[in-house]
Amino acid sequence: MYYKFRDLKNYKYILDIFLNQRLFSSSFINLNDNFEGQFFSNNFGESKRVRLNPNKEKHISICSFSENYKSHLMWSHYANGHRGIAIGFEIDKSEYKIDKVEYNGLGSFENLPLKVDELKSVFLNKLNEWKYEEEYRIITEKQDYIKIKIKKVIFGAETKNHDKEIISKLIELVDNRIIIETYKG
């Protein structure tokens, strides 16, 4: 099972995830790591850091999620300091290629322009500081939705009762087999 952390500030996104059983694959320029889309290249006679230009390169979108819902940092960064939720879900692996992110620094490539597989691998190498995310990604060549099957919803330790009631009623209407828990740390 994988987990997507969400705050509850914009219910439109939460409703979309539950009602349509899908996650959005966003353009890499919208991700919170400013080193996304960067790599090193020796194509210039010396090793130089290069940033992909989203206006010139083949479009790359990313759907990110974690295998671990117990990370305090994930709750803090992506679920509004434990006031949001973690959505546990499964993905049809015959329909999507799921890649594990490596935390060994930015990639290095000899020749430019990059081939499609090399472009995708740029987004599977991150700095070690992000290791706590235990991140997996589906990388697509267009902005799209990734179909999921929601299995569990975990409320953060600080989620307000009013929000729990609303999300619980939504879950009951969508699929009453979805397990509901509250994170206890």
Protein backbone atom coordinates (compact mmCIF):
# COMPACT_ATOMS: atom_id res chain seq x y z
CA MET A 1 0.00 0.00 0.00
CA TYR A 2 1.12 3.54 -0.77
CA TYR A 3 0.16 6.81 0.97
CA LYS A 4 -0.61 10.31 -0.22
CA PHE A 5 -0.54 13.02 2.45
CA ARG A 6 -3.02 15.86 2.03
CA ASP A 7 -3.98 18.92 4.00
CA LEU A 8 -7.69 19.71 4.24
CA LYS A 9 -7.50 23.37 3.25
CA ASN A 10 -8.92 22.83 -0.23
CA TYR A 11 -11.71 20.27 -0.17
CA LYS A 12 -11.99 20.38 -3.99
CA TYR A 13 -8.82 18.25 -4.25
CA ILE A 14 -9.92 15.87 -1.51
CA LEU A 15 -13.32 15.41 -3.17
CA ASP A 16 -11.66 14.67 -6.49
CA ILE A 17 -9.39 12.02 -4.97
CA PHE A 18 -12.26 10.24 -3.21
CA LEU A 19 -15.05 10.60 -5.76
CA ASN A 20 -12.91 9.79 -8.79
CA GLN A 21 -10.40 7.44 -7.09
CA ARG A 22 -7.44 9.21 -8.70
CA LEU A 23 -4.33 11.29 -8.03
CA PHE A 24 -3.08 14.12 -10.20
CA SER A 25 0.23 13.84 -12.00
CA SER A 26 1.63 17.38 -11.89
CA SER A 27 4.21 19.11 -14.05
CA PHE A 28 7.63 18.89 -12.42
CA ILE A 29 7.86 22.69 -12.26
CA ASN A 30 5.11 22.66 -9.60
CA LEU A 31 6.99 20.38 -7.16
CA ASN A 32 8.39 21.78 -3.93
CA ASP A 33 12.04 20.73 -4.42
CA ASN A 34 13.76 23.48 -6.39
CA PHE A 35 16.35 20.94 -7.63
CA GLU A 36 13.70 18.93 -9.52
CA GLY A 37 14.70 18.71 -13.16
CA GLN A 38 18.37 19.40 -12.49
CA PHE A 39 21.38 17.19 -13.21
CA PHE A 40 25.09 17.41 -13.97
CA SER A 41 26.54 17.18 -17.46
CA ASN A 42 30.10 17.07 -18.81
CA ASN A 43 28.81 18.20 -22.20
CA PHE A 44 30.43 21.61 -21.62
CA GLY A 45 34.02 20.46 -21.17
CA GLU A 46 33.55 20.51 -17.40
CA SER A 47 30.88 19.19 -15.06
CA LYS A 48 28.08 21.72 -14.88
CA ARG A 49 24.66 21.70 -13.23
CA VAL A 50 21.87 21.90 -15.82
CA ARG A 51 18.18 22.66 -15.32
CA LEU A 52 15.60 21.25 -17.70
CA ASN A 53 13.55 23.93 -19.41
CA PRO A 54 9.87 22.93 -19.23
CA ASN A 55 9.14 25.06 -22.29
CA LYS A 56 11.71 23.29 -24.48
CA GLU A 57 11.95 19.76 -23.11
CA LYS A 58 9.47 16.96 -23.56
CA HIS A 59 6.77 17.44 -20.94
CA ILE A 60 7.29 15.45 -17.73
CA SER A 61 4.66 15.10 -15.00
CA ILE A 62 5.07 13.32 -11.69
CA CYS A 63 2.74 11.68 -9.22
CA SER A 64 4.56 11.26 -5.89
CA PHE A 65 3.61 9.18 -2.88
CA SER A 66 5.20 7.34 0.02
CA GLU A 67 5.27 3.83 1.37
CA ASN A 68 5.42 5.12 4.96
CA TYR A 69 2.60 6.93 6.76
CA LYS A 70 4.45 7.08 10.10
CA SER A 71 6.93 9.84 9.23
CA HIS A 72 6.41 12.90 11.41
CA LEU A 73 8.12 15.07 8.78
CA MET A 74 5.71 13.87 6.07
CA TRP A 75 2.74 14.72 8.30
CA SER A 76 4.28 18.10 9.05
CA HIS A 77 5.20 19.02 5.47
CA TYR A 78 2.31 17.57 3.48
CA ALA A 79 -0.62 17.20 5.89
CA ASN A 80 -0.59 20.58 7.62
CA GLY A 81 1.19 19.51 10.79
CA HIS A 82 -0.96 16.41 11.48
CA ARG A 83 -4.20 18.34 10.76
CA GLY A 84 -4.75 16.56 7.45
CA ILE A 85 -4.97 12.97 6.26
CA ALA A 86 -2.91 10.18 4.74
CA ILE A 87 -4.77 8.27 2.06
CA GLY A 88 -3.72 4.63 1.77
CA PHE A 89 -4.24 3.22 -1.71
CA GLU A 90 -3.27 0.55 -4.19
CA ILE A 91 -2.30 1.02 -7.83
CA ASP A 92 -2.67 -1.44 -10.69
CA LYS A 93 1.00 -2.17 -11.43
CA SER A 94 0.08 -3.63 -14.81
CA GLU A 95 -1.20 -0.19 -15.83
CA TYR A 96 1.52 2.04 -14.32
CA LYS A 97 5.27 1.85 -13.87
CA ILE A 98 6.07 2.73 -10.25
CA ASP A 99 9.65 3.76 -9.54
CA LYS A 100 11.40 4.17 -6.20
CA VAL A 101 13.31 7.42 -5.78
CA GLU A 102 17.02 7.13 -4.96
CA TYR A 103 18.65 9.65 -2.63
CA ASN A 104 22.19 9.69 -3.94
CA GLY A 105 22.28 13.22 -5.34
CA LEU A 106 21.63 14.66 -8.74
CA GLY A 107 22.27 12.44 -11.75
CA SER A 108 25.07 12.98 -14.24
CA PHE A 109 24.82 12.61 -18.01
CA GLU A 110 27.50 12.91 -20.68
CA ASN A 111 25.51 13.84 -23.75
CA LEU A 112 22.77 16.35 -24.38
CA PRO A 113 19.97 16.37 -25.29
CA LEU A 114 18.75 13.64 -22.99
CA LYS A 115 16.77 10.67 -24.28
CA VAL A 116 13.29 10.02 -22.81
CA ASP A 117 14.55 7.34 -20.38
CA GLU A 118 17.35 9.64 -19.22
CA LEU A 119 14.87 12.49 -18.77
CA LYS A 120 12.74 10.28 -16.53
CA SER A 121 15.76 9.15 -14.51
CA VAL A 122 16.53 12.82 -13.71
CA PHE A 123 13.38 12.70 -11.56
CA LEU A 124 14.35 9.49 -9.76
CA ASN A 125 17.48 10.91 -8.12
CA LYS A 126 17.15 13.41 -5.28
CA LEU A 127 19.41 14.88 -2.65
CA ASN A 128 19.89 12.84 0.53
CA GLU A 129 17.99 15.45 2.59
CA TRP A 130 14.73 14.15 1.09
CA LYS A 131 15.32 10.52 2.14
CA TYR A 132 12.69 10.72 4.89
CA GLU A 133 9.99 10.83 2.20
CA GLU A 134 10.64 7.21 1.15
CA GLU A 135 9.16 8.37 -2.13
CA TYR A 136 7.79 6.47 -5.10
CA ARG A 137 6.83 8.08 -8.38
CA ILE A 138 4.84 7.51 -11.49
CA ILE A 139 6.38 9.61 -14.25
CA THR A 140 4.26 10.47 -17.27
CA GLU A 141 4.80 12.50 -20.41
CA LYS A 142 1.62 14.52 -19.88
CA GLN A 143 -0.41 15.94 -17.04
CA ASP A 144 -2.84 13.20 -16.23
CA TYR A 145 -4.71 11.42 -13.48
CA ILE A 146 -3.47 8.16 -11.98
CA LYS A 147 -6.20 5.67 -11.11
CA ILE A 148 -6.06 4.34 -7.54
CA LYS A 149 -8.12 2.17 -5.22
CA ILE A 150 -8.45 3.79 -1.79
CA LYS A 151 -8.15 1.25 1.03
CA LYS A 152 -7.49 3.35 4.14
CA VAL A 153 -7.68 6.90 5.46
CA ILE A 154 -5.62 7.94 8.45
CA PHE A 155 -6.46 11.17 10.21
CA GLY A 156 -3.56 13.16 11.59
CA ALA A 157 -3.13 13.36 15.35
CA GLU A 158 -4.33 17.00 15.25
CA THR A 159 -7.18 16.67 12.72
CA LYS A 160 -10.23 18.56 13.99
CA ASN A 161 -13.31 16.52 14.86
CA HIS A 162 -15.42 18.52 12.41
CA ASP A 163 -13.05 17.55 9.56
CA LYS A 164 -13.05 13.92 10.70
CA GLU A 165 -16.86 13.87 10.60
CA ILE A 166 -17.04 15.32 7.09
CA ILE A 167 -14.35 13.02 5.66
CA SER A 168 -15.89 9.99 7.41
CA LYS A 169 -19.31 10.75 5.87
CA LEU A 170 -17.69 11.16 2.47
CA ILE A 171 -15.94 7.79 2.86
CA GLU A 172 -19.21 6.15 3.89
CA LEU A 173 -20.86 7.46 0.71
CA VAL A 174 -17.97 6.52 -1.58
CA ASP A 175 -17.03 3.09 -0.19
CA ASN A 176 -17.84 1.97 3.32
CA ARG A 177 -15.11 -0.71 3.10
CA ILE A 178 -12.39 1.97 3.37
CA ILE A 179 -10.71 1.65 6.77
CA ILE A 180 -10.64 4.81 8.90
CA GLU A 181 -8.02 5.33 11.60
CA THR A 182 -6.44 8.14 13.57
CA TYR A 183 -2.66 8.37 13.74
CA LYS A 184 -1.42 7.81 17.26
CA GLY A 185 2.34 8.09 16.65
